[in-house]
């Protein structure tokens, strides 16, 4: 178990190649988030609510493989999926960092390029920025910040 992080391209698809992915173990990510908090790279925001299946007249049974739903149900499933994706893609118009929930959950929230840019600006301006690797006691910190710099040149990243 852990956090598999993938850069998203402009077409909404995850980019291929090792340089476009990063991984933190389940117990390491909270330490990374704490260090990012130290550097002012993250902001606390409430976890957005996913739409309720019942709001679309759906149940879990409607998503079971092998089901042959009616066209009206297929349409409601599509509407639900679009609403769910909108929650997963939620972003502020003027971000001041990465919302912590996007790092704490591996559900596929989009961390946008703008959120990453704001986080890196805070990090680069911090007087202890050169101590990240020492404070985390992990050589991956420099690779993580390099990964963030790469992700900001695309459309951000998603964690699974």
C-alpha atoms as a PDB file:
ATOM      1  CA  UNK A   1       0.000   0.000   0.000  1.00  0.00           C
ATOM      2  CA  UNK A   2       1.118   3.467  -0.684  1.00  0.00           C
ATOM      3  CA  UNK A   3       0.706   6.515  -2.827  1.00  0.00           C
ATOM      4  CA  UNK A   4       1.342   6.120  -6.548  1.00  0.00           C
ATOM      5  CA  UNK A   5       1.596   9.563  -8.115  1.00  0.00           C
ATOM      6  CA  UNK A   6       1.267  10.153 -11.856  1.00  0.00           C
ATOM      7  CA  UNK A   7       1.650  13.294 -13.948  1.00  0.00           C
ATOM      8  CA  UNK A   8      -1.415  14.121 -16.013  1.00  0.00           C
ATOM      9  CA  UNK A   9      -1.069  15.347 -19.583  1.00  0.00           C
ATOM     10  CA  UNK A  10      -3.121  17.963 -21.357  1.00  0.00           C
ATOM     11  CA  UNK A  11      -5.441  15.320 -22.788  1.00  0.00           C
ATOM     12  CA  UNK A  12      -6.436  14.216 -19.279  1.00  0.00           C
ATOM     13  CA  UNK A  13      -4.473  10.979 -19.555  1.00  0.00           C
ATOM     14  CA  UNK A  14      -1.642   9.983 -17.255  1.00  0.00           C
ATOM     15  CA  UNK A  15       1.775  10.291 -18.876  1.00  0.00           C
ATOM     16  CA  UNK A  16       3.834   7.141 -19.446  1.00  0.00           C
ATOM     17  CA  UNK A  17       7.435   6.704 -18.340  1.00  0.00           C
ATOM     18  CA  UNK A  18       9.229   6.431 -15.026  1.00  0.00           C
ATOM     19  CA  UNK A  19      10.010  10.163 -14.996  1.00  0.00           C
ATOM     20  CA  UNK A  20       6.254  10.809 -14.865  1.00  0.00           C
ATOM     21  CA  UNK A  21       5.542   8.801 -11.746  1.00  0.00           C
ATOM     22  CA  UNK A  22       6.556   8.836  -8.110  1.00  0.00           C
ATOM     23  CA  UNK A  23       5.767   6.629  -5.131  1.00  0.00           C
ATOM     24  CA  UNK A  24       5.630   7.122  -1.381  1.00  0.00           C
ATOM     25  CA  UNK A  25       4.880   4.356   1.067  1.00  0.00           C
ATOM     26  CA  UNK A  26       1.798   4.488   3.231  1.00  0.00           C
ATOM     27  CA  UNK A  27       3.723   5.624   6.319  1.00  0.00           C
ATOM     28  CA  UNK A  28       6.067   8.044   4.505  1.00  0.00           C
ATOM     29  CA  UNK A  29       3.428  10.292   2.920  1.00  0.00           C
ATOM     30  CA  UNK A  30       2.248  11.806   6.247  1.00  0.00           C
ATOM     31  CA  UNK A  31       5.854  12.811   6.911  1.00  0.00           C
ATOM     32  CA  UNK A  32       6.129  14.371   3.464  1.00  0.00           C
ATOM     33  CA  UNK A  33       2.901  16.318   4.007  1.00  0.00           C
ATOM     34  CA  UNK A  34       4.183  17.516   7.410  1.00  0.00           C
ATOM     35  CA  UNK A  35       7.389  18.785   5.817  1.00  0.00           C
ATOM     36  CA  UNK A  36       5.395  20.461   3.062  1.00  0.00           C
ATOM     37  CA  UNK A  37       3.335  22.138   5.807  1.00  0.00           C
ATOM     38  CA  UNK A  38       6.601  23.337   7.403  1.00  0.00           C
ATOM     39  CA  UNK A  39       7.568  24.984   4.108  1.00  0.00           C
ATOM     40  CA  UNK A  40       4.106  26.522   3.579  1.00  0.00           C
ATOM     41  CA  UNK A  41       3.485  24.388   0.497  1.00  0.00           C
ATOM     42  CA  UNK A  42       0.060  23.085   1.495  1.00  0.00           C
ATOM     43  CA  UNK A  43      -3.219  24.582   2.597  1.00  0.00           C
ATOM     44  CA  UNK A  44      -5.925  23.008   4.733  1.00  0.00           C
ATOM     45  CA  UNK A  45      -9.198  22.688   2.848  1.00  0.00           C
ATOM     46  CA  UNK A  46     -12.227  20.504   3.571  1.00  0.00           C
ATOM     47  CA  UNK A  47     -12.515  17.249   1.670  1.00  0.00           C
ATOM     48  CA  UNK A  48     -15.156  17.820  -1.020  1.00  0.00           C
ATOM     49  CA  UNK A  49     -18.213  15.599  -0.872  1.00  0.00           C
ATOM     50  CA  UNK A  50     -18.722  13.057  -3.596  1.00  0.00           C
ATOM     51  CA  UNK A  51     -22.184  13.038  -5.140  1.00  0.00           C
ATOM     52  CA  UNK A  52     -24.611  10.524  -3.677  1.00  0.00           C
ATOM     53  CA  UNK A  53     -25.738   7.711  -5.944  1.00  0.00           C
ATOM     54  CA  UNK A  54     -29.285   8.229  -4.703  1.00  0.00           C
ATOM     55  CA  UNK A  55     -29.267  11.799  -6.041  1.00  0.00           C
ATOM     56  CA  UNK A  56     -29.065  10.225  -9.499  1.00  0.00           C
ATOM     57  CA  UNK A  57     -31.563   7.452  -8.784  1.00  0.00           C
ATOM     58  CA  UNK A  58     -28.752   4.898  -8.729  1.00  0.00           C
ATOM     59  CA  UNK A  59     -27.563   2.113  -6.462  1.00  0.00           C
ATOM     60  CA  UNK A  60     -24.336   0.128  -6.325  1.00  0.00           C
ATOM     61  CA  UNK A  61     -26.121  -2.619  -8.248  1.00  0.00           C
ATOM     62  CA  UNK A  62     -26.253  -0.332 -11.291  1.00  0.00           C
ATOM     63  CA  UNK A  63     -22.444  -0.494 -11.500  1.00  0.00           C
ATOM     64  CA  UNK A  64     -22.063  -4.268 -11.231  1.00  0.00           C
ATOM     65  CA  UNK A  65     -20.401  -5.915 -14.199  1.00  0.00           C
ATOM     66  CA  UNK A  66     -22.738  -7.942 -16.346  1.00  0.00           C
ATOM     67  CA  UNK A  67     -25.679  -5.638 -15.660  1.00  0.00           C
ATOM     68  CA  UNK A  68     -27.688  -4.634 -18.696  1.00  0.00           C
ATOM     69  CA  UNK A  69     -29.225  -1.320 -17.599  1.00  0.00           C
ATOM     70  CA  UNK A  70     -31.864   0.546 -19.513  1.00  0.00           C
ATOM     71  CA  UNK A  71     -30.824   3.611 -21.531  1.00  0.00           C
ATOM     72  CA  UNK A  72     -32.245   5.940 -18.856  1.00  0.00           C
ATOM     73  CA  UNK A  73     -30.019   4.274 -16.251  1.00  0.00           C
ATOM     74  CA  UNK A  74     -27.003   4.495 -18.572  1.00  0.00           C
ATOM     75  CA  UNK A  75     -27.686   8.232 -18.897  1.00  0.00           C
ATOM     76  CA  UNK A  76     -27.911   8.648 -15.109  1.00  0.00           C
ATOM     77  CA  UNK A  77     -24.666   6.703 -14.670  1.00  0.00           C
ATOM     78  CA  UNK A  78     -22.964   9.064 -17.142  1.00  0.00           C
ATOM     79  CA  UNK A  79     -24.330  12.107 -15.271  1.00  0.00           C
ATOM     80  CA  UNK A  80     -23.144  10.668 -11.954  1.00  0.00           C
ATOM     81  CA  UNK A  81     -19.665   9.933 -13.329  1.00  0.00           C
ATOM     82  CA  UNK A  82     -19.388  13.476 -14.704  1.00  0.00           C
ATOM     83  CA  UNK A  83     -20.396  14.932 -11.326  1.00  0.00           C
ATOM     84  CA  UNK A  84     -17.952  12.644  -9.524  1.00  0.00           C
ATOM     85  CA  UNK A  85     -15.141  13.621 -11.910  1.00  0.00           C
ATOM     86  CA  UNK A  86     -15.916  17.304 -11.307  1.00  0.00           C
ATOM     87  CA  UNK A  87     -15.330  16.717  -7.580  1.00  0.00           C
ATOM     88  CA  UNK A  88     -12.059  14.892  -8.308  1.00  0.00           C
ATOM     89  CA  UNK A  89     -10.924  17.813 -10.497  1.00  0.00           C
ATOM     90  CA  UNK A  90     -11.914  20.574  -8.028  1.00  0.00           C
ATOM     91  CA  UNK A  91      -9.470  23.487  -7.946  1.00  0.00           C
ATOM     92  CA  UNK A  92      -9.400  27.016  -6.624  1.00  0.00           C
ATOM     93  CA  UNK A  93      -9.106  29.883  -9.079  1.00  0.00           C
ATOM     94  CA  UNK A  94      -6.171  31.439  -7.182  1.00  0.00           C
ATOM     95  CA  UNK A  95      -4.478  28.653  -5.211  1.00  0.00           C
ATOM     96  CA  UNK A  96      -1.985  29.383  -2.446  1.00  0.00           C
ATOM     97  CA  UNK A  97      -0.690  25.819  -2.230  1.00  0.00           C
ATOM     98  CA  UNK A  98      -1.761  22.206  -2.529  1.00  0.00           C
ATOM     99  CA  UNK A  99      -4.852  21.259  -0.502  1.00  0.00           C
ATOM    100  CA  UNK A 100      -3.706  18.657   2.022  1.00  0.00           C
ATOM    101  CA  UNK A 101      -6.587  16.297   1.248  1.00  0.00           C
ATOM    102  CA  UNK A 102      -5.185  15.889  -2.269  1.00  0.00           C
ATOM    103  CA  UNK A 103      -2.017  14.457  -0.730  1.00  0.00           C
ATOM    104  CA  UNK A 104      -3.587  12.494   2.119  1.00  0.00           C
ATOM    105  CA  UNK A 105      -5.989  10.475  -0.020  1.00  0.00           C
ATOM    106  CA  UNK A 106      -5.049   8.246  -2.925  1.00  0.00           C
ATOM    107  CA  UNK A 107      -8.414   8.494  -4.639  1.00  0.00           C
ATOM    108  CA  UNK A 108      -7.263  10.302  -7.775  1.00  0.00           C
ATOM    109  CA  UNK A 109      -7.835  13.955  -6.915  1.00  0.00           C
ATOM    110  CA  UNK A 110      -6.211  16.250  -9.481  1.00  0.00           C
ATOM    111  CA  UNK A 111      -3.490  18.431  -8.007  1.00  0.00           C
ATOM    112  CA  UNK A 112      -3.339  21.199 -10.601  1.00  0.00           C
ATOM    113  CA  UNK A 113      -0.278  22.828 -12.100  1.00  0.00           C
ATOM    114  CA  UNK A 114      -1.343  26.131 -10.492  1.00  0.00           C
ATOM    115  CA  UNK A 115      -1.512  24.508  -7.035  1.00  0.00           C
ATOM    116  CA  UNK A 116       1.926  23.009  -7.582  1.00  0.00           C
ATOM    117  CA  UNK A 117       3.357  26.352  -8.745  1.00  0.00           C
ATOM    118  CA  UNK A 118       2.014  28.032  -5.599  1.00  0.00           C
ATOM    119  CA  UNK A 119       3.499  25.266  -3.426  1.00  0.00           C
ATOM    120  CA  UNK A 120       6.897  25.513  -5.103  1.00  0.00           C
ATOM    121  CA  UNK A 121       6.886  29.307  -4.815  1.00  0.00           C
ATOM    122  CA  UNK A 122       6.375  28.976  -1.064  1.00  0.00           C
ATOM    123  CA  UNK A 123       9.092  26.342  -0.844  1.00  0.00           C
ATOM    124  CA  UNK A 124      11.601  28.330  -2.914  1.00  0.00           C
ATOM    125  CA  UNK A 125      10.983  31.427  -0.762  1.00  0.00           C
ATOM    126  CA  UNK A 126      11.407  29.558   2.533  1.00  0.00           C
ATOM    127  CA  UNK A 127      14.713  30.272   4.341  1.00  0.00           C
ATOM    128  CA  UNK A 128      15.216  26.556   5.102  1.00  0.00           C
ATOM    129  CA  UNK A 129      14.429  25.271   1.602  1.00  0.00           C
ATOM    130  CA  UNK A 130      17.876  23.744   1.271  1.00  0.00           C
ATOM    131  CA  UNK A 131      17.261  21.587   4.371  1.00  0.00           C
ATOM    132  CA  UNK A 132      14.290  19.599   3.058  1.00  0.00           C
ATOM    133  CA  UNK A 133      16.284  16.419   2.545  1.00  0.00           C
ATOM    134  CA  UNK A 134      17.799  16.657   6.030  1.00  0.00           C
ATOM    135  CA  UNK A 135      14.506  17.479   7.759  1.00  0.00           C
ATOM    136  CA  UNK A 136      12.739  14.550   6.098  1.00  0.00           C
ATOM    137  CA  UNK A 137      15.771  12.301   6.548  1.00  0.00           C
ATOM    138  CA  UNK A 138      15.125  10.952   3.094  1.00  0.00           C
ATOM    139  CA  UNK A 139      17.106  11.479  -0.091  1.00  0.00           C
ATOM    140  CA  UNK A 140      13.861  11.357  -2.075  1.00  0.00           C
ATOM    141  CA  UNK A 141      12.956  14.922  -1.069  1.00  0.00           C
ATOM    142  CA  UNK A 142      15.072  16.391  -3.867  1.00  0.00           C
ATOM    143  CA  UNK A 143      13.578  13.933  -6.369  1.00  0.00           C
ATOM    144  CA  UNK A 144      10.096  14.802  -5.040  1.00  0.00           C
ATOM    145  CA  UNK A 145      10.594  18.528  -5.578  1.00  0.00           C
ATOM    146  CA  UNK A 146      12.035  17.803  -9.052  1.00  0.00           C
ATOM    147  CA  UNK A 147       8.940  15.701  -9.763  1.00  0.00           C
ATOM    148  CA  UNK A 148       6.735  18.599  -8.628  1.00  0.00           C
ATOM    149  CA  UNK A 149       8.614  20.937 -10.978  1.00  0.00           C
ATOM    150  CA  UNK A 150       8.020  18.502 -13.829  1.00  0.00           C
ATOM    151  CA  UNK A 151       4.325  18.074 -12.957  1.00  0.00           C
ATOM    152  CA  UNK A 152       3.747  21.845 -12.962  1.00  0.00           C
ATOM    153  CA  UNK A 153       4.866  21.945 -16.611  1.00  0.00           C
ATOM    154  CA  UNK A 154       1.998  19.597 -17.473  1.00  0.00           C
ATOM    155  CA  UNK A 155      -1.496  19.544 -15.995  1.00  0.00           C
ATOM    156  CA  UNK A 156      -0.519  18.458 -12.501  1.00  0.00           C
ATOM    157  CA  UNK A 157      -0.745  14.991 -10.975  1.00  0.00           C
ATOM    158  CA  UNK A 158      -3.105  12.443  -9.505  1.00  0.00           C
ATOM    159  CA  UNK A 159      -2.453  10.081  -6.589  1.00  0.00           C
ATOM    160  CA  UNK A 160      -3.757   6.510  -6.601  1.00  0.00           C
END
